[in-house]
PDBML (XML) file of the C-alpha atoms, coordinates in Angstrom:
<?xml version="1.0" encoding="UTF-8" ?>
<PDBx:datablock datablockName="MODEL"
   xmlns:PDBx="http://pdbml.pdb.org/schema/pdbx-v50.xsd"
   xmlns:xsi="http://www.w3.org/2001/XMLSchema-instance"
   xsi:schemaLocation="http://pdbml.pdb.org/schema/pdbx-v50.xsd pdbx-v50.xsd">
   <PDBx:atom_siteCategory>
      <PDBx:atom_site id="1">
         <PDBx:B_iso_or_equiv>0.00</PDBx:B_iso_or_equiv>
         <PDBx:Cartn_x>8.239</PDBx:Cartn_x>
         <PDBx:Cartn_y>-15.721</PDBx:Cartn_y>
         <PDBx:Cartn_z>17.997</PDBx:Cartn_z>
         <PDBx:auth_asym_id>A</PDBx:auth_asym_id>
         <PDBx:auth_atom_id>CA</PDBx:auth_atom_id>
         <PDBx:auth_comp_id>ARG</PDBx:auth_comp_id>
         <PDBx:auth_seq_id>1</PDBx:auth_seq_id>
         <PDBx:group_PDB>ATOM</PDBx:group_PDB>
         <PDBx:label_alt_id xsi:nil="true" />
         <PDBx:label_asym_id>A</PDBx:label_asym_id>
         <PDBx:label_atom_id>CA</PDBx:label_atom_id>
         <PDBx:label_comp_id>ARG</PDBx:label_comp_id>
         <PDBx:label_entity_id>1</PDBx:label_entity_id>
         <PDBx:label_seq_id>1</PDBx:label_seq_id>
         <PDBx:occupancy>1.00</PDBx:occupancy>
         <PDBx:pdbx_PDB_model_num>1</PDBx:pdbx_PDB_model_num>
         <PDBx:type_symbol>C</PDBx:type_symbol>
      </PDBx:atom_site>
      <PDBx:atom_site id="2">
         <PDBx:B_iso_or_equiv>0.00</PDBx:B_iso_or_equiv>
         <PDBx:Cartn_x>7.983</PDBx:Cartn_x>
         <PDBx:Cartn_y>-12.480</PDBx:Cartn_y>
         <PDBx:Cartn_z>16.027</PDBx:Cartn_z>
         <PDBx:auth_asym_id>A</PDBx:auth_asym_id>
         <PDBx:auth_atom_id>CA</PDBx:auth_atom_id>
         <PDBx:auth_comp_id>VAL</PDBx:auth_comp_id>
         <PDBx:auth_seq_id>2</PDBx:auth_seq_id>
         <PDBx:group_PDB>ATOM</PDBx:group_PDB>
         <PDBx:label_alt_id xsi:nil="true" />
         <PDBx:label_asym_id>A</PDBx:label_asym_id>
         <PDBx:label_atom_id>CA</PDBx:label_atom_id>
         <PDBx:label_comp_id>VAL</PDBx:label_comp_id>
         <PDBx:label_entity_id>1</PDBx:label_entity_id>
         <PDBx:label_seq_id>2</PDBx:label_seq_id>
         <PDBx:occupancy>1.00</PDBx:occupancy>
         <PDBx:pdbx_PDB_model_num>1</PDBx:pdbx_PDB_model_num>
         <PDBx:type_symbol>C</PDBx:type_symbol>
      </PDBx:atom_site>
      <PDBx:atom_site id="3">
         <PDBx:B_iso_or_equiv>0.00</PDBx:B_iso_or_equiv>
         <PDBx:Cartn_x>5.567</PDBx:Cartn_x>
         <PDBx:Cartn_y>-9.583</PDBx:Cartn_y>
         <PDBx:Cartn_z>15.806</PDBx:Cartn_z>
         <PDBx:auth_asym_id>A</PDBx:auth_asym_id>
         <PDBx:auth_atom_id>CA</PDBx:auth_atom_id>
         <PDBx:auth_comp_id>GLU</PDBx:auth_comp_id>
         <PDBx:auth_seq_id>3</PDBx:auth_seq_id>
         <PDBx:group_PDB>ATOM</PDBx:group_PDB>
         <PDBx:label_alt_id xsi:nil="true" />
         <PDBx:label_asym_id>A</PDBx:label_asym_id>
         <PDBx:label_atom_id>CA</PDBx:label_atom_id>
         <PDBx:label_comp_id>GLU</PDBx:label_comp_id>
         <PDBx:label_entity_id>1</PDBx:label_entity_id>
         <PDBx:label_seq_id>3</PDBx:label_seq_id>
         <PDBx:occupancy>1.00</PDBx:occupancy>
         <PDBx:pdbx_PDB_model_num>1</PDBx:pdbx_PDB_model_num>
         <PDBx:type_symbol>C</PDBx:type_symbol>
      </PDBx:atom_site>
      <PDBx:atom_site id="4">
         <PDBx:B_iso_or_equiv>0.00</PDBx:B_iso_or_equiv>
         <PDBx:Cartn_x>4.880</PDBx:Cartn_x>
         <PDBx:Cartn_y>-8.327</PDBx:Cartn_y>
         <PDBx:Cartn_z>12.281</PDBx:Cartn_z>
         <PDBx:auth_asym_id>A</PDBx:auth_asym_id>
         <PDBx:auth_atom_id>CA</PDBx:auth_atom_id>
         <PDBx:auth_comp_id>VAL</PDBx:auth_comp_id>
         <PDBx:auth_seq_id>4</PDBx:auth_seq_id>
         <PDBx:group_PDB>ATOM</PDBx:group_PDB>
         <PDBx:label_alt_id xsi:nil="true" />
         <PDBx:label_asym_id>A</PDBx:label_asym_id>
         <PDBx:label_atom_id>CA</PDBx:label_atom_id>
         <PDBx:label_comp_id>VAL</PDBx:label_comp_id>
         <PDBx:label_entity_id>1</PDBx:label_entity_id>
         <PDBx:label_seq_id>4</PDBx:label_seq_id>
         <PDBx:occupancy>1.00</PDBx:occupancy>
         <PDBx:pdbx_PDB_model_num>1</PDBx:pdbx_PDB_model_num>
         <PDBx:type_symbol>C</PDBx:type_symbol>
      </PDBx:atom_site>
      <PDBx:atom_site id="5">
         <PDBx:B_iso_or_equiv>0.00</PDBx:B_iso_or_equiv>
         <PDBx:Cartn_x>3.225</PDBx:Cartn_x>
         <PDBx:Cartn_y>-5.077</PDBx:Cartn_y>
         <PDBx:Cartn_z>11.206</PDBx:Cartn_z>
         <PDBx:auth_asym_id>A</PDBx:auth_asym_id>
         <PDBx:auth_atom_id>CA</PDBx:auth_atom_id>
         <PDBx:auth_comp_id>ARG</PDBx:auth_comp_id>
         <PDBx:auth_seq_id>5</PDBx:auth_seq_id>
         <PDBx:group_PDB>ATOM</PDBx:group_PDB>
         <PDBx:label_alt_id xsi:nil="true" />
         <PDBx:label_asym_id>A</PDBx:label_asym_id>
         <PDBx:label_atom_id>CA</PDBx:label_atom_id>
         <PDBx:label_comp_id>ARG</PDBx:label_comp_id>
         <PDBx:label_entity_id>1</PDBx:label_entity_id>
         <PDBx:label_seq_id>5</PDBx:label_seq_id>
         <PDBx:occupancy>1.00</PDBx:occupancy>
         <PDBx:pdbx_PDB_model_num>1</PDBx:pdbx_PDB_model_num>
         <PDBx:type_symbol>C</PDBx:type_symbol>
      </PDBx:atom_site>
      <PDBx:atom_site id="6">
         <PDBx:B_iso_or_equiv>0.00</PDBx:B_iso_or_equiv>
         <PDBx:Cartn_x>1.801</PDBx:Cartn_x>
         <PDBx:Cartn_y>-4.826</PDBx:Cartn_y>
         <PDBx:Cartn_z>7.688</PDBx:Cartn_z>
         <PDBx:auth_asym_id>A</PDBx:auth_asym_id>
         <PDBx:auth_atom_id>CA</PDBx:auth_atom_id>
         <PDBx:auth_comp_id>ALA</PDBx:auth_comp_id>
         <PDBx:auth_seq_id>6</PDBx:auth_seq_id>
         <PDBx:group_PDB>ATOM</PDBx:group_PDB>
         <PDBx:label_alt_id xsi:nil="true" />
         <PDBx:label_asym_id>A</PDBx:label_asym_id>
         <PDBx:label_atom_id>CA</PDBx:label_atom_id>
         <PDBx:label_comp_id>ALA</PDBx:label_comp_id>
         <PDBx:label_entity_id>1</PDBx:label_entity_id>
         <PDBx:label_seq_id>6</PDBx:label_seq_id>
         <PDBx:occupancy>1.00</PDBx:occupancy>
         <PDBx:pdbx_PDB_model_num>1</PDBx:pdbx_PDB_model_num>
         <PDBx:type_symbol>C</PDBx:type_symbol>
      </PDBx:atom_site>
      <PDBx:atom_site id="7">
         <PDBx:B_iso_or_equiv>0.00</PDBx:B_iso_or_equiv>
         <PDBx:Cartn_x>0.583</PDBx:Cartn_x>
         <PDBx:Cartn_y>-1.419</PDBx:Cartn_y>
         <PDBx:Cartn_z>6.474</PDBx:Cartn_z>
         <PDBx:auth_asym_id>A</PDBx:auth_asym_id>
         <PDBx:auth_atom_id>CA</PDBx:auth_atom_id>
         <PDBx:auth_comp_id>PRO</PDBx:auth_comp_id>
         <PDBx:auth_seq_id>7</PDBx:auth_seq_id>
         <PDBx:group_PDB>ATOM</PDBx:group_PDB>
         <PDBx:label_alt_id xsi:nil="true" />
         <PDBx:label_asym_id>A</PDBx:label_asym_id>
         <PDBx:label_atom_id>CA</PDBx:label_atom_id>
         <PDBx:label_comp_id>PRO</PDBx:label_comp_id>
         <PDBx:label_entity_id>1</PDBx:label_entity_id>
         <PDBx:label_seq_id>7</PDBx:label_seq_id>
         <PDBx:occupancy>1.00</PDBx:occupancy>
         <PDBx:pdbx_PDB_model_num>1</PDBx:pdbx_PDB_model_num>
         <PDBx:type_symbol>C</PDBx:type_symbol>
      </PDBx:atom_site>
      <PDBx:atom_site id="8">
         <PDBx:B_iso_or_equiv>0.00</PDBx:B_iso_or_equiv>
         <PDBx:Cartn_x>-2.504</PDBx:Cartn_x>
         <PDBx:Cartn_y>-0.187</PDBx:Cartn_y>
         <PDBx:Cartn_z>4.683</PDBx:Cartn_z>
         <PDBx:auth_asym_id>A</PDBx:auth_asym_id>
         <PDBx:auth_atom_id>CA</PDBx:auth_atom_id>
         <PDBx:auth_comp_id>ALA</PDBx:auth_comp_id>
         <PDBx:auth_seq_id>8</PDBx:auth_seq_id>
         <PDBx:group_PDB>ATOM</PDBx:group_PDB>
         <PDBx:label_alt_id xsi:nil="true" />
         <PDBx:label_asym_id>A</PDBx:label_asym_id>
         <PDBx:label_atom_id>CA</PDBx:label_atom_id>
         <PDBx:label_comp_id>ALA</PDBx:label_comp_id>
         <PDBx:label_entity_id>1</PDBx:label_entity_id>
         <PDBx:label_seq_id>8</PDBx:label_seq_id>
         <PDBx:occupancy>1.00</PDBx:occupancy>
         <PDBx:pdbx_PDB_model_num>1</PDBx:pdbx_PDB_model_num>
         <PDBx:type_symbol>C</PDBx:type_symbol>
      </PDBx:atom_site>
      <PDBx:atom_site id="9">
         <PDBx:B_iso_or_equiv>0.00</PDBx:B_iso_or_equiv>
         <PDBx:Cartn_x>-1.970</PDBx:Cartn_x>
         <PDBx:Cartn_y>0.690</PDBx:Cartn_y>
         <PDBx:Cartn_z>1.047</PDBx:Cartn_z>
         <PDBx:auth_asym_id>A</PDBx:auth_asym_id>
         <PDBx:auth_atom_id>CA</PDBx:auth_atom_id>
         <PDBx:auth_comp_id>THR</PDBx:auth_comp_id>
         <PDBx:auth_seq_id>9</PDBx:auth_seq_id>
         <PDBx:group_PDB>ATOM</PDBx:group_PDB>
         <PDBx:label_alt_id xsi:nil="true" />
         <PDBx:label_asym_id>A</PDBx:label_asym_id>
         <PDBx:label_atom_id>CA</PDBx:label_atom_id>
         <PDBx:label_comp_id>THR</PDBx:label_comp_id>
         <PDBx:label_entity_id>1</PDBx:label_entity_id>
         <PDBx:label_seq_id>9</PDBx:label_seq_id>
         <PDBx:occupancy>1.00</PDBx:occupancy>
         <PDBx:pdbx_PDB_model_num>1</PDBx:pdbx_PDB_model_num>
         <PDBx:type_symbol>C</PDBx:type_symbol>
      </PDBx:atom_site>
      <PDBx:atom_site id="10">
         <PDBx:B_iso_or_equiv>0.00</PDBx:B_iso_or_equiv>
         <PDBx:Cartn_x>-3.656</PDBx:Cartn_x>
         <PDBx:Cartn_y>2.739</PDBx:Cartn_y>
         <PDBx:Cartn_z>-1.643</PDBx:Cartn_z>
         <PDBx:auth_asym_id>A</PDBx:auth_asym_id>
         <PDBx:auth_atom_id>CA</PDBx:auth_atom_id>
         <PDBx:auth_comp_id>ILE</PDBx:auth_comp_id>
         <PDBx:auth_seq_id>10</PDBx:auth_seq_id>
         <PDBx:group_PDB>ATOM</PDBx:group_PDB>
         <PDBx:label_alt_id xsi:nil="true" />
         <PDBx:label_asym_id>A</PDBx:label_asym_id>
         <PDBx:label_atom_id>CA</PDBx:label_atom_id>
         <PDBx:label_comp_id>ILE</PDBx:label_comp_id>
         <PDBx:label_entity_id>1</PDBx:label_entity_id>
         <PDBx:label_seq_id>10</PDBx:label_seq_id>
         <PDBx:occupancy>1.00</PDBx:occupancy>
         <PDBx:pdbx_PDB_model_num>1</PDBx:pdbx_PDB_model_num>
         <PDBx:type_symbol>C</PDBx:type_symbol>
      </PDBx:atom_site>
      <PDBx:atom_site id="11">
         <PDBx:B_iso_or_equiv>0.00</PDBx:B_iso_or_equiv>
         <PDBx:Cartn_x>-3.679</PDBx:Cartn_x>
         <PDBx:Cartn_y>1.481</PDBx:Cartn_y>
         <PDBx:Cartn_z>-5.219</PDBx:Cartn_z>
         <PDBx:auth_asym_id>A</PDBx:auth_asym_id>
         <PDBx:auth_atom_id>CA</PDBx:auth_atom_id>
         <PDBx:auth_comp_id>ALA</PDBx:auth_comp_id>
         <PDBx:auth_seq_id>11</PDBx:auth_seq_id>
         <PDBx:group_PDB>ATOM</PDBx:group_PDB>
         <PDBx:label_alt_id xsi:nil="true" />
         <PDBx:label_asym_id>A</PDBx:label_asym_id>
         <PDBx:label_atom_id>CA</PDBx:label_atom_id>
         <PDBx:label_comp_id>ALA</PDBx:label_comp_id>
         <PDBx:label_entity_id>1</PDBx:label_entity_id>
         <PDBx:label_seq_id>11</PDBx:label_seq_id>
         <PDBx:occupancy>1.00</PDBx:occupancy>
         <PDBx:pdbx_PDB_model_num>1</PDBx:pdbx_PDB_model_num>
         <PDBx:type_symbol>C</PDBx:type_symbol>
      </PDBx:atom_site>
      <PDBx:atom_site id="12">
         <PDBx:B_iso_or_equiv>0.00</PDBx:B_iso_or_equiv>
         <PDBx:Cartn_x>-4.107</PDBx:Cartn_x>
         <PDBx:Cartn_y>3.541</PDBx:Cartn_y>
         <PDBx:Cartn_z>-8.402</PDBx:Cartn_z>
         <PDBx:auth_asym_id>A</PDBx:auth_asym_id>
         <PDBx:auth_atom_id>CA</PDBx:auth_atom_id>
         <PDBx:auth_comp_id>ASN</PDBx:auth_comp_id>
         <PDBx:auth_seq_id>12</PDBx:auth_seq_id>
         <PDBx:group_PDB>ATOM</PDBx:group_PDB>
         <PDBx:label_alt_id xsi:nil="true" />
         <PDBx:label_asym_id>A</PDBx:label_asym_id>
         <PDBx:label_atom_id>CA</PDBx:label_atom_id>
         <PDBx:label_comp_id>ASN</PDBx:label_comp_id>
         <PDBx:label_entity_id>1</PDBx:label_entity_id>
         <PDBx:label_seq_id>12</PDBx:label_seq_id>
         <PDBx:occupancy>1.00</PDBx:occupancy>
         <PDBx:pdbx_PDB_model_num>1</PDBx:pdbx_PDB_model_num>
         <PDBx:type_symbol>C</PDBx:type_symbol>
      </PDBx:atom_site>
      <PDBx:atom_site id="13">
         <PDBx:B_iso_or_equiv>0.00</PDBx:B_iso_or_equiv>
         <PDBx:Cartn_x>-3.667</PDBx:Cartn_x>
         <PDBx:Cartn_y>7.037</PDBx:Cartn_y>
         <PDBx:Cartn_z>-6.847</PDBx:Cartn_z>
         <PDBx:auth_asym_id>A</PDBx:auth_asym_id>
         <PDBx:auth_atom_id>CA</PDBx:auth_atom_id>
         <PDBx:auth_comp_id>LEU</PDBx:auth_comp_id>
         <PDBx:auth_seq_id>13</PDBx:auth_seq_id>
         <PDBx:group_PDB>ATOM</PDBx:group_PDB>
         <PDBx:label_alt_id xsi:nil="true" />
         <PDBx:label_asym_id>A</PDBx:label_asym_id>
         <PDBx:label_atom_id>CA</PDBx:label_atom_id>
         <PDBx:label_comp_id>LEU</PDBx:label_comp_id>
         <PDBx:label_entity_id>1</PDBx:label_entity_id>
         <PDBx:label_seq_id>13</PDBx:label_seq_id>
         <PDBx:occupancy>1.00</PDBx:occupancy>
         <PDBx:pdbx_PDB_model_num>1</PDBx:pdbx_PDB_model_num>
         <PDBx:type_symbol>C</PDBx:type_symbol>
      </PDBx:atom_site>
      <PDBx:atom_site id="14">
         <PDBx:B_iso_or_equiv>0.00</PDBx:B_iso_or_equiv>
         <PDBx:Cartn_x>-6.143</PDBx:Cartn_x>
         <PDBx:Cartn_y>8.371</PDBx:Cartn_y>
         <PDBx:Cartn_z>-9.370</PDBx:Cartn_z>
         <PDBx:auth_asym_id>A</PDBx:auth_asym_id>
         <PDBx:auth_atom_id>CA</PDBx:auth_atom_id>
         <PDBx:auth_comp_id>GLY</PDBx:auth_comp_id>
         <PDBx:auth_seq_id>14</PDBx:auth_seq_id>
         <PDBx:group_PDB>ATOM</PDBx:group_PDB>
         <PDBx:label_alt_id xsi:nil="true" />
         <PDBx:label_asym_id>A</PDBx:label_asym_id>
         <PDBx:label_atom_id>CA</PDBx:label_atom_id>
         <PDBx:label_comp_id>GLY</PDBx:label_comp_id>
         <PDBx:label_entity_id>1</PDBx:label_entity_id>
         <PDBx:label_seq_id>14</PDBx:label_seq_id>
         <PDBx:occupancy>1.00</PDBx:occupancy>
         <PDBx:pdbx_PDB_model_num>1</PDBx:pdbx_PDB_model_num>
         <PDBx:type_symbol>C</PDBx:type_symbol>
      </PDBx:atom_site>
      <PDBx:atom_site id="15">
         <PDBx:B_iso_or_equiv>0.00</PDBx:B_iso_or_equiv>
         <PDBx:Cartn_x>-4.110</PDBx:Cartn_x>
         <PDBx:Cartn_y>8.318</PDBx:Cartn_y>
         <PDBx:Cartn_z>-12.547</PDBx:Cartn_z>
         <PDBx:auth_asym_id>A</PDBx:auth_asym_id>
         <PDBx:auth_atom_id>CA</PDBx:auth_atom_id>
         <PDBx:auth_comp_id>ILE</PDBx:auth_comp_id>
         <PDBx:auth_seq_id>15</PDBx:auth_seq_id>
         <PDBx:group_PDB>ATOM</PDBx:group_PDB>
         <PDBx:label_alt_id xsi:nil="true" />
         <PDBx:label_asym_id>A</PDBx:label_asym_id>
         <PDBx:label_atom_id>CA</PDBx:label_atom_id>
         <PDBx:label_comp_id>ILE</PDBx:label_comp_id>
         <PDBx:label_entity_id>1</PDBx:label_entity_id>
         <PDBx:label_seq_id>15</PDBx:label_seq_id>
         <PDBx:occupancy>1.00</PDBx:occupancy>
         <PDBx:pdbx_PDB_model_num>1</PDBx:pdbx_PDB_model_num>
         <PDBx:type_symbol>C</PDBx:type_symbol>
      </PDBx:atom_site>
      <PDBx:atom_site id="16">
         <PDBx:B_iso_or_equiv>0.00</PDBx:B_iso_or_equiv>
         <PDBx:Cartn_x>-2.240</PDBx:Cartn_x>
         <PDBx:Cartn_y>4.998</PDBx:Cartn_y>
         <PDBx:Cartn_z>-12.162</PDBx:Cartn_z>
         <PDBx:auth_asym_id>A</PDBx:auth_asym_id>
         <PDBx:auth_atom_id>CA</PDBx:auth_atom_id>
         <PDBx:auth_comp_id>GLY</PDBx:auth_comp_id>
         <PDBx:auth_seq_id>16</PDBx:auth_seq_id>
         <PDBx:group_PDB>ATOM</PDBx:group_PDB>
         <PDBx:label_alt_id xsi:nil="true" />
         <PDBx:label_asym_id>A</PDBx:label_asym_id>
         <PDBx:label_atom_id>CA</PDBx:label_atom_id>
         <PDBx:label_comp_id>GLY</PDBx:label_comp_id>
         <PDBx:label_entity_id>1</PDBx:label_entity_id>
         <PDBx:label_seq_id>16</PDBx:label_seq_id>
         <PDBx:occupancy>1.00</PDBx:occupancy>
         <PDBx:pdbx_PDB_model_num>1</PDBx:pdbx_PDB_model_num>
         <PDBx:type_symbol>C</PDBx:type_symbol>
      </PDBx:atom_site>
      <PDBx:atom_site id="17">
         <PDBx:B_iso_or_equiv>0.00</PDBx:B_iso_or_equiv>
         <PDBx:Cartn_x>-4.831</PDBx:Cartn_x>
         <PDBx:Cartn_y>2.218</PDBx:Cartn_y>
         <PDBx:Cartn_z>-12.476</PDBx:Cartn_z>
         <PDBx:auth_asym_id>A</PDBx:auth_asym_id>
         <PDBx:auth_atom_id>CA</PDBx:auth_atom_id>
         <PDBx:auth_comp_id>PHE</PDBx:auth_comp_id>
         <PDBx:auth_seq_id>17</PDBx:auth_seq_id>
         <PDBx:group_PDB>ATOM</PDBx:group_PDB>
         <PDBx:label_alt_id xsi:nil="true" />
         <PDBx:label_asym_id>A</PDBx:label_asym_id>
         <PDBx:label_atom_id>CA</PDBx:label_atom_id>
         <PDBx:label_comp_id>PHE</PDBx:label_comp_id>
         <PDBx:label_entity_id>1</PDBx:label_entity_id>
         <PDBx:label_seq_id>17</PDBx:label_seq_id>
         <PDBx:occupancy>1.00</PDBx:occupancy>
         <PDBx:pdbx_PDB_model_num>1</PDBx:pdbx_PDB_model_num>
         <PDBx:type_symbol>C</PDBx:type_symbol>
      </PDBx:atom_site>
      <PDBx:atom_site id="18">
         <PDBx:B_iso_or_equiv>0.00</PDBx:B_iso_or_equiv>
         <PDBx:Cartn_x>-3.188</PDBx:Cartn_x>
         <PDBx:Cartn_y>-1.110</PDBx:Cartn_y>
         <PDBx:Cartn_z>-11.564</PDBx:Cartn_z>
         <PDBx:auth_asym_id>A</PDBx:auth_asym_id>
         <PDBx:auth_atom_id>CA</PDBx:auth_atom_id>
         <PDBx:auth_comp_id>ASP</PDBx:auth_comp_id>
         <PDBx:auth_seq_id>18</PDBx:auth_seq_id>
         <PDBx:group_PDB>ATOM</PDBx:group_PDB>
         <PDBx:label_alt_id xsi:nil="true" />
         <PDBx:label_asym_id>A</PDBx:label_asym_id>
         <PDBx:label_atom_id>CA</PDBx:label_atom_id>
         <PDBx:label_comp_id>ASP</PDBx:label_comp_id>
         <PDBx:label_entity_id>1</PDBx:label_entity_id>
         <PDBx:label_seq_id>18</PDBx:label_seq_id>
         <PDBx:occupancy>1.00</PDBx:occupancy>
         <PDBx:pdbx_PDB_model_num>1</PDBx:pdbx_PDB_model_num>
         <PDBx:type_symbol>C</PDBx:type_symbol>
      </PDBx:atom_site>
      <PDBx:atom_site id="19">
         <PDBx:B_iso_or_equiv>0.00</PDBx:B_iso_or_equiv>
         <PDBx:Cartn_x>0.322</PDBx:Cartn_x>
         <PDBx:Cartn_y>0.383</PDBx:Cartn_y>
         <PDBx:Cartn_z>-11.872</PDBx:Cartn_z>
         <PDBx:auth_asym_id>A</PDBx:auth_asym_id>
         <PDBx:auth_atom_id>CA</PDBx:auth_atom_id>
         <PDBx:auth_comp_id>VAL</PDBx:auth_comp_id>
         <PDBx:auth_seq_id>19</PDBx:auth_seq_id>
         <PDBx:group_PDB>ATOM</PDBx:group_PDB>
         <PDBx:label_alt_id xsi:nil="true" />
         <PDBx:label_asym_id>A</PDBx:label_asym_id>
         <PDBx:label_atom_id>CA</PDBx:label_atom_id>
         <PDBx:label_comp_id>VAL</PDBx:label_comp_id>
         <PDBx:label_entity_id>1</PDBx:label_entity_id>
         <PDBx:label_seq_id>19</PDBx:label_seq_id>
         <PDBx:occupancy>1.00</PDBx:occupancy>
         <PDBx:pdbx_PDB_model_num>1</PDBx:pdbx_PDB_model_num>
         <PDBx:type_symbol>C</PDBx:type_symbol>
      </PDBx:atom_site>
      <PDBx:atom_site id="20">
         <PDBx:B_iso_or_equiv>0.00</PDBx:B_iso_or_equiv>
         <PDBx:Cartn_x>0.715</PDBx:Cartn_x>
         <PDBx:Cartn_y>2.598</PDBx:Cartn_y>
         <PDBx:Cartn_z>-8.770</PDBx:Cartn_z>
         <PDBx:auth_asym_id>A</PDBx:auth_asym_id>
         <PDBx:auth_atom_id>CA</PDBx:auth_atom_id>
         <PDBx:auth_comp_id>LEU</PDBx:auth_comp_id>
         <PDBx:auth_seq_id>20</PDBx:auth_seq_id>
         <PDBx:group_PDB>ATOM</PDBx:group_PDB>
         <PDBx:label_alt_id xsi:nil="true" />
         <PDBx:label_asym_id>A</PDBx:label_asym_id>
         <PDBx:label_atom_id>CA</PDBx:label_atom_id>
         <PDBx:label_comp_id>LEU</PDBx:label_comp_id>
         <PDBx:label_entity_id>1</PDBx:label_entity_id>
         <PDBx:label_seq_id>20</PDBx:label_seq_id>
         <PDBx:occupancy>1.00</PDBx:occupancy>
         <PDBx:pdbx_PDB_model_num>1</PDBx:pdbx_PDB_model_num>
         <PDBx:type_symbol>C</PDBx:type_symbol>
      </PDBx:atom_site>
      <PDBx:atom_site id="21">
         <PDBx:B_iso_or_equiv>0.00</PDBx:B_iso_or_equiv>
         <PDBx:Cartn_x>0.583</PDBx:Cartn_x>
         <PDBx:Cartn_y>1.694</PDBx:Cartn_y>
         <PDBx:Cartn_z>-5.093</PDBx:Cartn_z>
         <PDBx:auth_asym_id>A</PDBx:auth_asym_id>
         <PDBx:auth_atom_id>CA</PDBx:auth_atom_id>
         <PDBx:auth_comp_id>GLY</PDBx:auth_comp_id>
         <PDBx:auth_seq_id>21</PDBx:auth_seq_id>
         <PDBx:group_PDB>ATOM</PDBx:group_PDB>
         <PDBx:label_alt_id xsi:nil="true" />
         <PDBx:label_asym_id>A</PDBx:label_asym_id>
         <PDBx:label_atom_id>CA</PDBx:label_atom_id>
         <PDBx:label_comp_id>GLY</PDBx:label_comp_id>
         <PDBx:label_entity_id>1</PDBx:label_entity_id>
         <PDBx:label_seq_id>21</PDBx:label_seq_id>
         <PDBx:occupancy>1.00</PDBx:occupancy>
         <PDBx:pdbx_PDB_model_num>1</PDBx:pdbx_PDB_model_num>
         <PDBx:type_symbol>C</PDBx:type_symbol>
      </PDBx:atom_site>
      <PDBx:atom_site id="22">
         <PDBx:B_iso_or_equiv>0.00</PDBx:B_iso_or_equiv>
         <PDBx:Cartn_x>1.615</PDBx:Cartn_x>
         <PDBx:Cartn_y>3.444</PDBx:Cartn_y>
         <PDBx:Cartn_z>-1.874</PDBx:Cartn_z>
         <PDBx:auth_asym_id>A</PDBx:auth_asym_id>
         <PDBx:auth_atom_id>CA</PDBx:auth_atom_id>
         <PDBx:auth_comp_id>MET</PDBx:auth_comp_id>
         <PDBx:auth_seq_id>22</PDBx:auth_seq_id>
         <PDBx:group_PDB>ATOM</PDBx:group_PDB>
         <PDBx:label_alt_id xsi:nil="true" />
         <PDBx:label_asym_id>A</PDBx:label_asym_id>
         <PDBx:label_atom_id>CA</PDBx:label_atom_id>
         <PDBx:label_comp_id>MET</PDBx:label_comp_id>
         <PDBx:label_entity_id>1</PDBx:label_entity_id>
         <PDBx:label_seq_id>22</PDBx:label_seq_id>
         <PDBx:occupancy>1.00</PDBx:occupancy>
         <PDBx:pdbx_PDB_model_num>1</PDBx:pdbx_PDB_model_num>
         <PDBx:type_symbol>C</PDBx:type_symbol>
      </PDBx:atom_site>
      <PDBx:atom_site id="23">
         <PDBx:B_iso_or_equiv>0.00</PDBx:B_iso_or_equiv>
         <PDBx:Cartn_x>1.966</PDBx:Cartn_x>
         <PDBx:Cartn_y>2.305</PDBx:Cartn_y>
         <PDBx:Cartn_z>1.737</PDBx:Cartn_z>
         <PDBx:auth_asym_id>A</PDBx:auth_asym_id>
         <PDBx:auth_atom_id>CA</PDBx:auth_atom_id>
         <PDBx:auth_comp_id>ALA</PDBx:auth_comp_id>
         <PDBx:auth_seq_id>23</PDBx:auth_seq_id>
         <PDBx:group_PDB>ATOM</PDBx:group_PDB>
         <PDBx:label_alt_id xsi:nil="true" />
         <PDBx:label_asym_id>A</PDBx:label_asym_id>
         <PDBx:label_atom_id>CA</PDBx:label_atom_id>
         <PDBx:label_comp_id>ALA</PDBx:label_comp_id>
         <PDBx:label_entity_id>1</PDBx:label_entity_id>
         <PDBx:label_seq_id>23</PDBx:label_seq_id>
         <PDBx:occupancy>1.00</PDBx:occupancy>
         <PDBx:pdbx_PDB_model_num>1</PDBx:pdbx_PDB_model_num>
         <PDBx:type_symbol>C</PDBx:type_symbol>
      </PDBx:atom_site>
      <PDBx:atom_site id="24">
         <PDBx:B_iso_or_equiv>0.00</PDBx:B_iso_or_equiv>
         <PDBx:Cartn_x>0.633</PDBx:Cartn_x>
         <PDBx:Cartn_y>4.338</PDBx:Cartn_y>
         <PDBx:Cartn_z>4.673</PDBx:Cartn_z>
         <PDBx:auth_asym_id>A</PDBx:auth_asym_id>
         <PDBx:auth_atom_id>CA</PDBx:auth_atom_id>
         <PDBx:auth_comp_id>PHE</PDBx:auth_comp_id>
         <PDBx:auth_seq_id>24</PDBx:auth_seq_id>
         <PDBx:group_PDB>ATOM</PDBx:group_PDB>
         <PDBx:label_alt_id xsi:nil="true" />
         <PDBx:label_asym_id>A</PDBx:label_asym_id>
         <PDBx:label_atom_id>CA</PDBx:label_atom_id>
         <PDBx:label_comp_id>PHE</PDBx:label_comp_id>
         <PDBx:label_entity_id>1</PDBx:label_entity_id>
         <PDBx:label_seq_id>24</PDBx:label_seq_id>
         <PDBx:occupancy>1.00</PDBx:occupancy>
         <PDBx:pdbx_PDB_model_num>1</PDBx:pdbx_PDB_model_num>
         <PDBx:type_symbol>C</PDBx:type_symbol>
      </PDBx:atom_site>
      <PDBx:atom_site id="25">
         <PDBx:B_iso_or_equiv>0.00</PDBx:B_iso_or_equiv>
         <PDBx:Cartn_x>1.984</PDBx:Cartn_x>
         <PDBx:Cartn_y>4.576</PDBx:Cartn_y>
         <PDBx:Cartn_z>8.220</PDBx:Cartn_z>
         <PDBx:auth_asym_id>A</PDBx:auth_asym_id>
         <PDBx:auth_atom_id>CA</PDBx:auth_atom_id>
         <PDBx:auth_comp_id>GLU</PDBx:auth_comp_id>
         <PDBx:auth_seq_id>25</PDBx:auth_seq_id>
         <PDBx:group_PDB>ATOM</PDBx:group_PDB>
         <PDBx:label_alt_id xsi:nil="true" />
         <PDBx:label_asym_id>A</PDBx:label_asym_id>
         <PDBx:label_atom_id>CA</PDBx:label_atom_id>
         <PDBx:label_comp_id>GLU</PDBx:label_comp_id>
         <PDBx:label_entity_id>1</PDBx:label_entity_id>
         <PDBx:label_seq_id>25</PDBx:label_seq_id>
         <PDBx:occupancy>1.00</PDBx:occupancy>
         <PDBx:pdbx_PDB_model_num>1</PDBx:pdbx_PDB_model_num>
         <PDBx:type_symbol>C</PDBx:type_symbol>
      </PDBx:atom_site>
   </PDBx:atom_siteCategory>
</PDBx:datablock>
C-alpha cells in the first residue's frame, strides 16, 4: 500500500497559453 500526494497546478501563467505550467505546494 502507498499514499500518493498530487499537487494543484496553474497552466498558462498569463503569457504562456498551453506552454507553461507550475505546481503548487
